[in-house]
Amino acid sequence: MQERTQDELKIISSMADTMLDLGEGCTEEQLANRFTRAEIKTYSEEARTVAYRKADRIAA
């Protein structure tokens, strides 16, 4: 994983929270209501990983 700026980390964290709020199977279209297509393309994989980690902490 590459080094991210504070702003990028905020986007990733926010996207992860949105993914958790939307639930399993959230779509790019749903994310596009809050994030740009460029942000989704750039950060969605990292955000998904963060969402899984957050979900594990919530479940524990």
C-alpha atoms as a PDB file:
ATOM      1  CA  MET A   1       0.000   0.000   0.000  1.00  0.00           C
ATOM      2  CA  GLN A   2       1.355   3.395  -0.902  1.00  0.00           C
ATOM      3  CA  GLU A   3       1.732   6.323   1.475  1.00  0.00           C
ATOM      4  CA  ARG A   4      -1.453   8.387   1.582  1.00  0.00           C
ATOM      5  CA  THR A   5      -1.983  11.999   2.561  1.00  0.00           C
ATOM      6  CA  GLN A   6      -4.277  12.925   5.441  1.00  0.00           C
ATOM      7  CA  ASP A   7      -6.933  14.020   2.938  1.00  0.00           C
ATOM      8  CA  GLU A   8      -6.723  10.705   1.102  1.00  0.00           C
ATOM      9  CA  LEU A   9      -6.968   8.779   4.368  1.00  0.00           C
ATOM     10  CA  LYS A  10     -10.093  10.766   5.272  1.00  0.00           C
ATOM     11  CA  ILE A  11     -11.678   9.876   1.927  1.00  0.00           C
ATOM     12  CA  ILE A  12     -10.795   6.197   2.372  1.00  0.00           C
ATOM     13  CA  SER A  13     -12.176   6.121   5.912  1.00  0.00           C
ATOM     14  CA  SER A  14     -15.341   7.939   4.879  1.00  0.00           C
ATOM     15  CA  MET A  15     -15.822   5.601   1.924  1.00  0.00           C
ATOM     16  CA  ALA A  16     -15.333   2.587   4.221  1.00  0.00           C
ATOM     17  CA  ASP A  17     -17.963   3.957   6.613  1.00  0.00           C
ATOM     18  CA  THR A  18     -20.333   4.501   3.704  1.00  0.00           C
ATOM     19  CA  MET A  19     -19.763   0.926   2.538  1.00  0.00           C
ATOM     20  CA  LEU A  20     -20.588  -0.344   6.022  1.00  0.00           C
ATOM     21  CA  ASP A  21     -23.715   1.823   6.180  1.00  0.00           C
ATOM     22  CA  LEU A  22     -24.895   0.569   2.784  1.00  0.00           C
ATOM     23  CA  GLY A  23     -24.180  -3.027   3.709  1.00  0.00           C
ATOM     24  CA  GLU A  24     -22.904  -6.001   1.797  1.00  0.00           C
ATOM     25  CA  GLY A  25     -23.358  -5.685  -1.925  1.00  0.00           C
ATOM     26  CA  CYS A  26     -23.164  -1.902  -2.063  1.00  0.00           C
ATOM     27  CA  THR A  27     -22.631  -0.771  -5.618  1.00  0.00           C
ATOM     28  CA  GLU A  28     -20.464   1.778  -7.353  1.00  0.00           C
ATOM     29  CA  GLU A  29     -23.659   3.633  -8.226  1.00  0.00           C
ATOM     30  CA  GLN A  30     -24.527   3.960  -4.551  1.00  0.00           C
ATOM     31  CA  LEU A  31     -21.031   5.185  -3.732  1.00  0.00           C
ATOM     32  CA  ALA A  32     -21.273   7.692  -6.597  1.00  0.00           C
ATOM     33  CA  ASN A  33     -23.989   9.505  -4.650  1.00  0.00           C
ATOM     34  CA  ARG A  34     -21.278  10.639  -2.243  1.00  0.00           C
ATOM     35  CA  PHE A  35     -17.926  10.234  -4.022  1.00  0.00           C
ATOM     36  CA  THR A  36     -16.631  11.094  -7.466  1.00  0.00           C
ATOM     37  CA  ARG A  37     -15.940   8.330  -9.982  1.00  0.00           C
ATOM     38  CA  ALA A  38     -12.239   9.191  -9.759  1.00  0.00           C
ATOM     39  CA  GLU A  39     -12.301   8.784  -5.969  1.00  0.00           C
ATOM     40  CA  ILE A  40     -14.107   5.473  -6.281  1.00  0.00           C
ATOM     41  CA  LYS A  41     -11.621   4.214  -8.860  1.00  0.00           C
ATOM     42  CA  THR A  42      -8.638   5.376  -6.809  1.00  0.00           C
ATOM     43  CA  TYR A  43      -9.699   4.462  -3.275  1.00  0.00           C
ATOM     44  CA  SER A  44     -12.449   1.811  -3.318  1.00  0.00           C
ATOM     45  CA  GLU A  45     -10.170  -1.212  -2.924  1.00  0.00           C
ATOM     46  CA  GLU A  46      -8.420   0.314   0.083  1.00  0.00           C
ATOM     47  CA  ALA A  47     -11.758   1.459   1.479  1.00  0.00           C
ATOM     48  CA  ARG A  48     -13.129  -2.067   1.163  1.00  0.00           C
ATOM     49  CA  THR A  49     -10.167  -3.410   3.141  1.00  0.00           C
ATOM     50  CA  VAL A  50     -10.694  -0.765   5.825  1.00  0.00           C
ATOM     51  CA  ALA A  51     -14.428  -1.570   5.926  1.00  0.00           C
ATOM     52  CA  TYR A  52     -13.669  -5.270   6.508  1.00  0.00           C
ATOM     53  CA  ARG A  53     -11.314  -4.352   9.356  1.00  0.00           C
ATOM     54  CA  LYS A  54     -13.875  -2.020  10.916  1.00  0.00           C
ATOM     55  CA  ALA A  55     -16.584  -4.672  10.602  1.00  0.00           C
ATOM     56  CA  ASP A  56     -14.350  -7.220  12.323  1.00  0.00           C
ATOM     57  CA  ARG A  57     -13.764  -4.808  15.218  1.00  0.00           C
ATOM     58  CA  ILE A  58     -17.494  -4.143  15.522  1.00  0.00           C
ATOM     59  CA  ALA A  59     -18.263  -7.877  15.545  1.00  0.00           C
ATOM     60  CA  ALA A  60     -15.597  -8.656  18.149  1.00  0.00           C
END
